[in-house]
Amino acid sequence: MGLIEVFAVVISVGFGYLFFRLIKPKSDSRNIPLDYAQLFFAWSLFISTSVTMPQFLITPNEAHLFMWLSRSLPFGLIAFIAGFVYGKFK
């Protein structure tokens, strides 16, 4: 693994962490299902960004960007629903 690949992974994890911090619940809002839904969605977006974004940073083209979007949105929706259901039954 070369220096460019390591740099791309570090930048991708940084973007994933930024998305995680922006989406996760900011405070205890007493709406537990929505808090868990946001938290699950934030983790899903962090993971998908960390895994698929390095390919876009190494060779930036619309195919890699679309691959990131096509993985982040459906899995994010599933994570949001799973978090909401988990919060309802907790």
N, C-alpha and C. Protein backbone atom coordinates (compact mmCIF):
# COMPACT_ATOMS: atom_id res chain seq x y z
N MET A 1 0.85 -1.17 0.00
CA MET A 1 0.00 0.00 0.00
C MET A 1 0.90 1.23 0.00
N GLY A 2 0.70 2.08 -0.98
CA GLY A 2 1.53 3.26 -1.12
C GLY A 2 1.06 4.42 -0.27
N LEU A 3 1.83 5.47 -0.31
CA LEU A 3 1.53 6.65 0.48
C LEU A 3 0.23 7.31 0.05
N ILE A 4 -0.06 7.29 -1.22
CA ILE A 4 -1.31 7.90 -1.71
C ILE A 4 -2.52 7.14 -1.19
N GLU A 5 -2.44 5.81 -1.16
CA GLU A 5 -3.56 5.02 -0.66
C GLU A 5 -3.77 5.25 0.84
N VAL A 6 -2.70 5.33 1.58
CA VAL A 6 -2.81 5.60 3.03
C VAL A 6 -3.42 6.98 3.25
N PHE A 7 -2.98 7.96 2.48
CA PHE A 7 -3.53 9.31 2.59
C PHE A 7 -5.03 9.31 2.25
N ALA A 8 -5.43 8.56 1.22
CA ALA A 8 -6.84 8.49 0.84
C ALA A 8 -7.67 7.84 1.94
N VAL A 9 -7.15 6.82 2.58
CA VAL A 9 -7.89 6.17 3.67
C VAL A 9 -8.02 7.11 4.86
N VAL A 10 -6.97 7.82 5.20
CA VAL A 10 -7.02 8.76 6.33
C VAL A 10 -8.03 9.88 6.05
N ILE A 11 -8.02 10.43 4.86
CA ILE A 11 -8.97 11.49 4.50
C ILE A 11 -10.39 10.94 4.52
N SER A 12 -10.60 9.72 4.04
CA SER A 12 -11.93 9.12 4.02
C SER A 12 -12.47 8.89 5.43
N VAL A 13 -11.62 8.40 6.31
CA VAL A 13 -12.04 8.22 7.70
C VAL A 13 -12.36 9.57 8.33
N GLY A 14 -11.58 10.59 7.98
CA GLY A 14 -11.86 11.94 8.48
C GLY A 14 -13.22 12.46 8.01
N PHE A 15 -13.52 12.26 6.72
CA PHE A 15 -14.84 12.66 6.22
C PHE A 15 -15.95 11.85 6.87
N GLY A 16 -15.71 10.56 7.06
CA GLY A 16 -16.70 9.72 7.73
C GLY A 16 -16.96 10.19 9.14
N TYR A 17 -15.90 10.55 9.85
CA TYR A 17 -16.06 11.05 11.21
C TYR A 17 -16.79 12.39 11.22
N LEU A 18 -16.50 13.24 10.24
CA LEU A 18 -17.21 14.51 10.14
C LEU A 18 -18.71 14.28 9.93
N PHE A 19 -19.06 13.39 9.02
CA PHE A 19 -20.47 13.07 8.80
C PHE A 19 -21.10 12.49 10.07
N PHE A 20 -20.35 11.63 10.77
CA PHE A 20 -20.85 11.03 12.01
C PHE A 20 -21.16 12.11 13.04
N ARG A 21 -20.24 13.07 13.22
CA ARG A 21 -20.44 14.13 14.21
C ARG A 21 -21.60 15.06 13.83
N LEU A 22 -21.81 15.27 12.53
CA LEU A 22 -22.90 16.14 12.10
C LEU A 22 -24.26 15.49 12.26
N ILE A 23 -24.35 14.17 12.13
CA ILE A 23 -25.64 13.49 12.12
C ILE A 23 -26.05 12.96 13.48
N LYS A 24 -25.10 12.54 14.31
CA LYS A 24 -25.48 11.93 15.58
C LYS A 24 -26.24 12.93 16.43
N PRO A 25 -27.12 12.43 17.33
CA PRO A 25 -27.91 13.35 18.17
C PRO A 25 -27.00 14.22 19.03
N LYS A 26 -27.34 15.48 19.11
CA LYS A 26 -26.51 16.44 19.83
C LYS A 26 -26.69 16.35 21.34
N SER A 27 -27.90 16.10 21.80
CA SER A 27 -28.16 16.06 23.23
C SER A 27 -29.27 15.04 23.50
N ASP A 28 -29.55 14.86 24.75
CA ASP A 28 -30.61 13.94 25.15
C ASP A 28 -31.95 14.64 24.91
N SER A 29 -32.65 14.22 23.86
CA SER A 29 -33.86 14.95 23.45
C SER A 29 -35.15 14.30 23.89
N ARG A 30 -35.09 13.25 24.66
CA ARG A 30 -36.27 12.54 25.15
C ARG A 30 -37.05 11.82 24.06
N ASN A 31 -36.59 11.90 22.82
CA ASN A 31 -37.21 11.15 21.73
C ASN A 31 -36.27 10.00 21.40
N ILE A 32 -36.34 8.95 22.20
CA ILE A 32 -35.37 7.86 22.13
C ILE A 32 -35.38 7.16 20.78
N PRO A 33 -36.51 6.84 20.17
CA PRO A 33 -36.45 6.18 18.86
C PRO A 33 -35.73 7.01 17.80
N LEU A 34 -35.98 8.30 17.78
CA LEU A 34 -35.33 9.16 16.79
C LEU A 34 -33.83 9.31 17.08
N ASP A 35 -33.47 9.35 18.36
CA ASP A 35 -32.05 9.42 18.72
C ASP A 35 -31.30 8.18 18.25
N TYR A 36 -31.87 7.00 18.48
CA TYR A 36 -31.23 5.77 18.02
C TYR A 36 -31.21 5.70 16.49
N ALA A 37 -32.26 6.18 15.85
CA ALA A 37 -32.29 6.18 14.38
C ALA A 37 -31.17 7.06 13.84
N GLN A 38 -30.99 8.23 14.41
CA GLN A 38 -29.90 9.11 13.97
C GLN A 38 -28.54 8.50 14.26
N LEU A 39 -28.39 7.87 15.41
CA LEU A 39 -27.12 7.26 15.76
C LEU A 39 -26.77 6.10 14.83
N PHE A 40 -27.73 5.24 14.53
CA PHE A 40 -27.49 4.14 13.60
C PHE A 40 -27.16 4.67 12.20
N PHE A 41 -27.89 5.71 11.76
CA PHE A 41 -27.62 6.30 10.46
C PHE A 41 -26.22 6.91 10.42
N ALA A 42 -25.82 7.57 11.50
CA ALA A 42 -24.49 8.18 11.56
C ALA A 42 -23.40 7.12 11.47
N TRP A 43 -23.56 6.01 12.19
CA TRP A 43 -22.58 4.93 12.11
C TRP A 43 -22.53 4.33 10.72
N SER A 44 -23.69 4.15 10.12
CA SER A 44 -23.74 3.59 8.77
C SER A 44 -23.02 4.49 7.77
N LEU A 45 -23.24 5.78 7.86
CA LEU A 45 -22.58 6.72 6.96
C LEU A 45 -21.08 6.78 7.22
N PHE A 46 -20.67 6.70 8.47
CA PHE A 46 -19.24 6.67 8.80
C PHE A 46 -18.57 5.46 8.17
N ILE A 47 -19.19 4.30 8.30
CA ILE A 47 -18.60 3.07 7.77
C ILE A 47 -18.56 3.10 6.24
N SER A 48 -19.67 3.48 5.62
CA SER A 48 -19.69 3.47 4.15
C SER A 48 -18.74 4.50 3.57
N THR A 49 -18.59 5.64 4.22
CA THR A 49 -17.64 6.65 3.74
C THR A 49 -16.20 6.17 3.91
N SER A 50 -15.92 5.57 5.05
CA SER A 50 -14.57 5.09 5.31
C SER A 50 -14.15 3.97 4.36
N VAL A 51 -15.13 3.17 3.92
CA VAL A 51 -14.80 2.02 3.08
C VAL A 51 -14.77 2.38 1.59
N THR A 52 -15.72 3.16 1.11
CA THR A 52 -15.83 3.39 -0.33
C THR A 52 -15.22 4.70 -0.82
N MET A 53 -15.01 5.66 0.04
CA MET A 53 -14.49 6.95 -0.41
C MET A 53 -13.03 6.93 -0.83
N PRO A 54 -12.16 6.05 -0.29
CA PRO A 54 -10.77 6.06 -0.78
C PRO A 54 -10.65 5.81 -2.28
N GLN A 55 -11.52 4.99 -2.84
CA GLN A 55 -11.47 4.74 -4.28
C GLN A 55 -11.75 6.02 -5.05
N PHE A 56 -12.68 6.84 -4.55
CA PHE A 56 -12.99 8.11 -5.21
C PHE A 56 -11.81 9.08 -5.09
N LEU A 57 -11.14 9.09 -3.95
CA LEU A 57 -10.03 10.02 -3.77
C LEU A 57 -8.80 9.63 -4.60
N ILE A 58 -8.61 8.33 -4.82
CA ILE A 58 -7.47 7.88 -5.62
C ILE A 58 -7.71 8.16 -7.09
N THR A 59 -8.90 7.81 -7.60
CA THR A 59 -9.25 8.09 -9.00
C THR A 59 -10.60 8.79 -9.02
N PRO A 60 -10.61 10.11 -8.92
CA PRO A 60 -11.89 10.82 -8.83
C PRO A 60 -12.64 10.81 -10.16
N ASN A 61 -13.74 10.10 -10.15
CA ASN A 61 -14.66 10.15 -11.28
C ASN A 61 -16.07 9.89 -10.76
N GLU A 62 -17.05 10.13 -11.60
CA GLU A 62 -18.44 10.04 -11.14
C GLU A 62 -18.87 8.61 -10.83
N ALA A 63 -18.21 7.61 -11.38
CA ALA A 63 -18.57 6.22 -11.09
C ALA A 63 -18.28 5.88 -9.63
N HIS A 64 -17.14 6.32 -9.10
CA HIS A 64 -16.83 6.06 -7.71
C HIS A 64 -17.70 6.87 -6.77
N LEU A 65 -18.04 8.08 -7.16
CA LEU A 65 -18.94 8.89 -6.35
C LEU A 65 -20.34 8.27 -6.32
N PHE A 66 -20.81 7.80 -7.46
CA PHE A 66 -22.11 7.14 -7.51
C PHE A 66 -22.09 5.84 -6.70
N MET A 67 -20.98 5.12 -6.71
CA MET A 67 -20.88 3.90 -5.92
C MET A 67 -21.00 4.23 -4.42
N TRP A 68 -20.38 5.33 -3.98
CA TRP A 68 -20.50 5.75 -2.59
C TRP A 68 -21.94 6.10 -2.26
N LEU A 69 -22.60 6.85 -3.13
CA LEU A 69 -23.99 7.22 -2.89
C LEU A 69 -24.92 6.01 -2.92
N SER A 70 -24.68 5.10 -3.86
CA SER A 70 -25.56 3.94 -3.98
C SER A 70 -25.39 2.97 -2.81
N ARG A 71 -24.29 3.04 -2.11
CA ARG A 71 -24.13 2.23 -0.90
C ARG A 71 -24.57 2.97 0.35
N SER A 72 -24.34 4.26 0.40
CA SER A 72 -24.65 5.01 1.61
C SER A 72 -26.14 5.22 1.81
N LEU A 73 -26.85 5.54 0.77
CA LEU A 73 -28.27 5.85 0.93
C LEU A 73 -29.13 4.65 1.31
N PRO A 74 -29.06 3.52 0.61
CA PRO A 74 -29.91 2.38 1.02
C PRO A 74 -29.53 1.82 2.39
N PHE A 75 -28.23 1.67 2.65
CA PHE A 75 -27.83 1.14 3.95
C PHE A 75 -28.10 2.15 5.06
N GLY A 76 -28.02 3.43 4.75
CA GLY A 76 -28.37 4.45 5.73
C GLY A 76 -29.85 4.41 6.07
N LEU A 77 -30.69 4.21 5.07
CA LEU A 77 -32.13 4.10 5.31
C LEU A 77 -32.45 2.87 6.15
N ILE A 78 -31.81 1.76 5.83
CA ILE A 78 -32.02 0.53 6.62
C ILE A 78 -31.54 0.74 8.06
N ALA A 79 -30.40 1.39 8.23
CA ALA A 79 -29.89 1.65 9.57
C ALA A 79 -30.80 2.60 10.33
N PHE A 80 -31.35 3.60 9.66
CA PHE A 80 -32.27 4.54 10.30
C PHE A 80 -33.51 3.81 10.79
N ILE A 81 -34.07 2.96 9.96
CA ILE A 81 -35.27 2.20 10.34
C ILE A 81 -34.94 1.24 11.48
N ALA A 82 -33.81 0.54 11.38
CA ALA A 82 -33.42 -0.39 12.44
C ALA A 82 -33.19 0.34 13.76
N GLY A 83 -32.58 1.50 13.72
CA GLY A 83 -32.38 2.29 14.93
C GLY A 83 -33.69 2.77 15.52
N PHE A 84 -34.62 3.16 14.67
CA PHE A 84 -35.92 3.61 15.16
C PHE A 84 -36.67 2.46 15.83
N VAL A 85 -36.65 1.28 15.20
CA VAL A 85 -37.31 0.11 15.78
C VAL A 85 -36.64 -0.28 17.09
N TYR A 86 -35.31 -0.25 17.12
CA TYR A 86 -34.58 -0.57 18.34
C TYR A 86 -34.95 0.41 19.45
N GLY A 87 -35.04 1.69 19.13
CA GLY A 87 -35.41 2.68 20.13
C GLY A 87 -36.84 2.53 20.62
N LYS A 88 -37.72 2.07 19.76
CA LYS A 88 -39.13 1.86 20.16
C LYS A 88 -39.25 0.75 21.19
N PHE A 89 -38.44 -0.30 21.02
CA PHE A 89 -38.57 -1.46 21.91
C PHE A 89 -37.60 -1.44 23.08
N LYS A 90 -36.78 -0.41 23.17
CA LYS A 90 -35.83 -0.33 24.30
C LYS A 90 -36.49 0.29 25.50
